[in-house]
């Protein structure tokens, strides 16, 4: 004989687990299959590492010409911007079925712990990866102050 249990439609919501997504609560109303066909706007993804005398920044900017990338250094602030031109056309025979274009600018700015010697900075762009070597400015070390 089967056990009969009462269905509680608010059972999952009443627990209020902060790590539970809306898809876990309402699996039949999931938007993921619908959103898979949309492409997200491009973003600049960064890896920043620190060495003794310099910072090394690796920025992923695929599909951009190196002439369209601009890097600015002001003290300890680094700004990277790029103009992106992306076109996608789908043709069926001689008839144009769909055409998608994205023209825009992506921008990323961040601050480092120490000032950068902009005169000695180096930048290299290959295969969609921008690599910046930013030497630390001499004499701008952070100093710990004791509180009395």
C-alpha atoms as a PDB file:
ATOM      1  CA  UNK A   1       0.000   0.000   0.000  1.00  0.00           C
ATOM      2  CA  UNK A   2       1.328   3.453  -0.918  1.00  0.00           C
ATOM      3  CA  UNK A   3       1.784   6.220   1.575  1.00  0.00           C
ATOM      4  CA  UNK A   4      -0.376   9.263   0.938  1.00  0.00           C
ATOM      5  CA  UNK A   5       1.239  12.622   1.571  1.00  0.00           C
ATOM      6  CA  UNK A   6      -0.302  16.035   1.373  1.00  0.00           C
ATOM      7  CA  UNK A   7       1.159  18.327  -1.331  1.00  0.00           C
ATOM      8  CA  UNK A   8       2.356  21.667  -0.018  1.00  0.00           C
ATOM      9  CA  UNK A   9       2.982  24.124  -2.897  1.00  0.00           C
ATOM     10  CA  UNK A  10       4.876  26.498  -0.587  1.00  0.00           C
ATOM     11  CA  UNK A  11       7.100  23.858   1.021  1.00  0.00           C
ATOM     12  CA  UNK A  12      10.281  24.870  -0.776  1.00  0.00           C
ATOM     13  CA  UNK A  13       9.637  28.585  -0.350  1.00  0.00           C
ATOM     14  CA  UNK A  14       8.997  28.281   3.391  1.00  0.00           C
ATOM     15  CA  UNK A  15      12.536  27.004   3.984  1.00  0.00           C
ATOM     16  CA  UNK A  16      13.949  30.174   2.352  1.00  0.00           C
ATOM     17  CA  UNK A  17      17.330  28.742   1.502  1.00  0.00           C
ATOM     18  CA  UNK A  18      19.352  31.740   0.195  1.00  0.00           C
ATOM     19  CA  UNK A  19      21.330  29.478  -2.159  1.00  0.00           C
ATOM     20  CA  UNK A  20      18.253  28.067  -3.878  1.00  0.00           C
ATOM     21  CA  UNK A  21      17.550  29.586  -7.280  1.00  0.00           C
ATOM     22  CA  UNK A  22      14.129  30.386  -8.685  1.00  0.00           C
ATOM     23  CA  UNK A  23      14.563  27.438 -11.056  1.00  0.00           C
ATOM     24  CA  UNK A  24      14.758  25.087  -8.076  1.00  0.00           C
ATOM     25  CA  UNK A  25      11.488  26.454  -6.713  1.00  0.00           C
ATOM     26  CA  UNK A  26       9.645  26.583 -10.036  1.00  0.00           C
ATOM     27  CA  UNK A  27      11.367  24.184 -12.463  1.00  0.00           C
ATOM     28  CA  UNK A  28       8.582  24.332 -15.041  1.00  0.00           C
ATOM     29  CA  UNK A  29       9.032  28.103 -15.471  1.00  0.00           C
ATOM     30  CA  UNK A  30      12.728  27.978 -16.313  1.00  0.00           C
ATOM     31  CA  UNK A  31      13.940  30.675 -18.736  1.00  0.00           C
ATOM     32  CA  UNK A  32      17.284  29.078 -19.545  1.00  0.00           C
ATOM     33  CA  UNK A  33      16.280  27.412 -22.845  1.00  0.00           C
ATOM     34  CA  UNK A  34      14.830  30.710 -24.065  1.00  0.00           C
ATOM     35  CA  UNK A  35      17.918  32.720 -23.093  1.00  0.00           C
ATOM     36  CA  UNK A  36      20.395  30.327 -24.720  1.00  0.00           C
ATOM     37  CA  UNK A  37      19.786  31.850 -28.143  1.00  0.00           C
ATOM     38  CA  UNK A  38      20.681  35.375 -26.966  1.00  0.00           C
ATOM     39  CA  UNK A  39      24.327  36.420 -26.889  1.00  0.00           C
ATOM     40  CA  UNK A  40      25.589  38.508 -24.007  1.00  0.00           C
ATOM     41  CA  UNK A  41      27.387  41.778 -24.533  1.00  0.00           C
ATOM     42  CA  UNK A  42      31.139  41.294 -24.693  1.00  0.00           C
ATOM     43  CA  UNK A  43      33.105  41.945 -21.526  1.00  0.00           C
ATOM     44  CA  UNK A  44      36.778  42.365 -20.698  1.00  0.00           C
ATOM     45  CA  UNK A  45      37.896  39.554 -18.387  1.00  0.00           C
ATOM     46  CA  UNK A  46      41.021  40.216 -16.318  1.00  0.00           C
ATOM     47  CA  UNK A  47      43.785  38.363 -14.509  1.00  0.00           C
ATOM     48  CA  UNK A  48      45.987  40.617 -12.375  1.00  0.00           C
ATOM     49  CA  UNK A  49      49.138  39.275 -10.747  1.00  0.00           C
ATOM     50  CA  UNK A  50      51.832  41.019  -8.725  1.00  0.00           C
ATOM     51  CA  UNK A  51      55.553  40.437  -8.952  1.00  0.00           C
ATOM     52  CA  UNK A  52      58.337  42.115  -6.963  1.00  0.00           C
ATOM     53  CA  UNK A  53      58.832  45.038  -9.324  1.00  0.00           C
ATOM     54  CA  UNK A  54      55.760  44.989 -11.585  1.00  0.00           C
ATOM     55  CA  UNK A  55      52.121  44.084 -12.044  1.00  0.00           C
ATOM     56  CA  UNK A  56      51.119  41.765 -14.884  1.00  0.00           C
ATOM     57  CA  UNK A  57      47.627  42.197 -16.285  1.00  0.00           C
ATOM     58  CA  UNK A  58      46.111  39.764 -18.769  1.00  0.00           C
ATOM     59  CA  UNK A  59      42.899  40.976 -20.390  1.00  0.00           C
ATOM     60  CA  UNK A  60      40.798  38.797 -22.659  1.00  0.00           C
ATOM     61  CA  UNK A  61      39.456  40.924 -25.535  1.00  0.00           C
ATOM     62  CA  UNK A  62      38.700  38.564 -28.458  1.00  0.00           C
ATOM     63  CA  UNK A  63      37.775  39.733 -31.940  1.00  0.00           C
ATOM     64  CA  UNK A  64      39.187  43.255 -31.588  1.00  0.00           C
ATOM     65  CA  UNK A  65      41.923  44.900 -33.630  1.00  0.00           C
ATOM     66  CA  UNK A  66      44.868  46.182 -31.608  1.00  0.00           C
ATOM     67  CA  UNK A  67      44.272  49.684 -33.043  1.00  0.00           C
ATOM     68  CA  UNK A  68      40.862  49.720 -31.327  1.00  0.00           C
ATOM     69  CA  UNK A  69      42.272  49.028 -27.833  1.00  0.00           C
ATOM     70  CA  UNK A  70      43.222  51.933 -25.556  1.00  0.00           C
ATOM     71  CA  UNK A  71      45.037  51.667 -22.225  1.00  0.00           C
ATOM     72  CA  UNK A  72      45.434  54.574 -19.787  1.00  0.00           C
ATOM     73  CA  UNK A  73      47.491  54.632 -16.599  1.00  0.00           C
ATOM     74  CA  UNK A  74      47.050  57.419 -14.035  1.00  0.00           C
ATOM     75  CA  UNK A  75      48.915  56.793 -10.794  1.00  0.00           C
ATOM     76  CA  UNK A  76      47.551  53.474  -9.583  1.00  0.00           C
ATOM     77  CA  UNK A  77      44.418  53.481 -11.787  1.00  0.00           C
ATOM     78  CA  UNK A  78      44.469  51.403 -14.983  1.00  0.00           C
ATOM     79  CA  UNK A  79      41.735  51.803 -17.600  1.00  0.00           C
ATOM     80  CA  UNK A  80      41.266  49.516 -20.611  1.00  0.00           C
ATOM     81  CA  UNK A  81      38.741  50.286 -23.335  1.00  0.00           C
ATOM     82  CA  UNK A  82      38.058  48.721 -26.716  1.00  0.00           C
ATOM     83  CA  UNK A  83      35.699  49.295 -29.618  1.00  0.00           C
ATOM     84  CA  UNK A  84      33.987  46.125 -30.745  1.00  0.00           C
ATOM     85  CA  UNK A  85      32.471  45.606 -34.160  1.00  0.00           C
ATOM     86  CA  UNK A  86      30.781  42.256 -34.526  1.00  0.00           C
ATOM     87  CA  UNK A  87      28.662  41.187 -37.485  1.00  0.00           C
ATOM     88  CA  UNK A  88      26.865  37.920 -38.089  1.00  0.00           C
ATOM     89  CA  UNK A  89      24.801  37.130 -41.179  1.00  0.00           C
ATOM     90  CA  UNK A  90      22.860  34.001 -42.013  1.00  0.00           C
ATOM     91  CA  UNK A  91      21.925  33.446 -45.634  1.00  0.00           C
ATOM     92  CA  UNK A  92      19.745  30.800 -47.184  1.00  0.00           C
ATOM     93  CA  UNK A  93      20.531  30.689 -50.898  1.00  0.00           C
ATOM     94  CA  UNK A  94      20.482  34.299 -52.113  1.00  0.00           C
ATOM     95  CA  UNK A  95      17.954  35.442 -49.517  1.00  0.00           C
ATOM     96  CA  UNK A  96      19.121  37.087 -46.262  1.00  0.00           C
ATOM     97  CA  UNK A  97      17.408  35.354 -43.346  1.00  0.00           C
ATOM     98  CA  UNK A  98      18.930  37.159 -40.365  1.00  0.00           C
ATOM     99  CA  UNK A  99      21.584  39.767 -39.694  1.00  0.00           C
ATOM    100  CA  UNK A 100      22.937  40.686 -36.265  1.00  0.00           C
ATOM    101  CA  UNK A 101      25.389  43.449 -35.524  1.00  0.00           C
ATOM    102  CA  UNK A 102      26.980  44.726 -32.371  1.00  0.00           C
ATOM    103  CA  UNK A 103      28.906  47.958 -32.369  1.00  0.00           C
ATOM    104  CA  UNK A 104      29.913  49.269 -29.031  1.00  0.00           C
ATOM    105  CA  UNK A 105      32.596  50.067 -26.526  1.00  0.00           C
ATOM    106  CA  UNK A 106      33.663  47.959 -23.572  1.00  0.00           C
ATOM    107  CA  UNK A 107      35.476  49.523 -20.653  1.00  0.00           C
ATOM    108  CA  UNK A 108      37.225  48.204 -17.567  1.00  0.00           C
ATOM    109  CA  UNK A 109      38.970  50.225 -14.868  1.00  0.00           C
ATOM    110  CA  UNK A 110      40.660  49.072 -11.671  1.00  0.00           C
ATOM    111  CA  UNK A 111      43.108  50.306  -9.030  1.00  0.00           C
ATOM    112  CA  UNK A 112      46.370  48.708  -7.970  1.00  0.00           C
ATOM    113  CA  UNK A 113      48.074  48.906  -4.557  1.00  0.00           C
ATOM    114  CA  UNK A 114      50.996  51.016  -5.786  1.00  0.00           C
ATOM    115  CA  UNK A 115      51.483  53.694  -8.425  1.00  0.00           C
ATOM    116  CA  UNK A 116      52.638  52.550 -11.847  1.00  0.00           C
ATOM    117  CA  UNK A 117      55.640  53.912 -13.740  1.00  0.00           C
ATOM    118  CA  UNK A 118      53.757  54.676 -16.975  1.00  0.00           C
ATOM    119  CA  UNK A 119      57.001  55.374 -18.875  1.00  0.00           C
ATOM    120  CA  UNK A 120      58.182  51.768 -18.482  1.00  0.00           C
ATOM    121  CA  UNK A 121      54.827  50.095 -19.132  1.00  0.00           C
ATOM    122  CA  UNK A 122      54.629  47.537 -21.938  1.00  0.00           C
ATOM    123  CA  UNK A 123      51.630  46.144 -23.792  1.00  0.00           C
ATOM    124  CA  UNK A 124      51.367  43.148 -26.105  1.00  0.00           C
ATOM    125  CA  UNK A 125      48.242  41.913 -27.929  1.00  0.00           C
ATOM    126  CA  UNK A 126      48.148  38.448 -29.515  1.00  0.00           C
ATOM    127  CA  UNK A 127      45.255  36.073 -30.251  1.00  0.00           C
ATOM    128  CA  UNK A 128      42.655  38.113 -28.356  1.00  0.00           C
ATOM    129  CA  UNK A 129      44.783  38.407 -25.206  1.00  0.00           C
ATOM    130  CA  UNK A 130      46.173  41.772 -24.067  1.00  0.00           C
ATOM    131  CA  UNK A 131      49.148  41.457 -21.726  1.00  0.00           C
ATOM    132  CA  UNK A 132      50.291  44.520 -19.790  1.00  0.00           C
ATOM    133  CA  UNK A 133      53.510  44.704 -17.799  1.00  0.00           C
ATOM    134  CA  UNK A 134      53.198  47.652 -15.426  1.00  0.00           C
ATOM    135  CA  UNK A 135      56.347  48.419 -13.394  1.00  0.00           C
ATOM    136  CA  UNK A 136      55.846  49.768  -9.894  1.00  0.00           C
ATOM    137  CA  UNK A 137      56.945  53.335  -9.291  1.00  0.00           C
ATOM    138  CA  UNK A 138      59.998  53.536  -7.037  1.00  0.00           C
ATOM    139  CA  UNK A 139      59.511  55.106  -3.629  1.00  0.00           C
ATOM    140  CA  UNK A 140      55.748  54.714  -3.475  1.00  0.00           C
ATOM    141  CA  UNK A 141      55.615  51.823  -1.017  1.00  0.00           C
ATOM    142  CA  UNK A 142      52.756  51.522   1.398  1.00  0.00           C
ATOM    143  CA  UNK A 143      53.818  52.253   4.935  1.00  0.00           C
ATOM    144  CA  UNK A 144      52.201  50.862   8.070  1.00  0.00           C
ATOM    145  CA  UNK A 145      51.568  53.507  10.734  1.00  0.00           C
ATOM    146  CA  UNK A 146      51.387  52.535  14.387  1.00  0.00           C
ATOM    147  CA  UNK A 147      48.471  53.970  16.322  1.00  0.00           C
ATOM    148  CA  UNK A 148      49.308  55.309  19.782  1.00  0.00           C
END
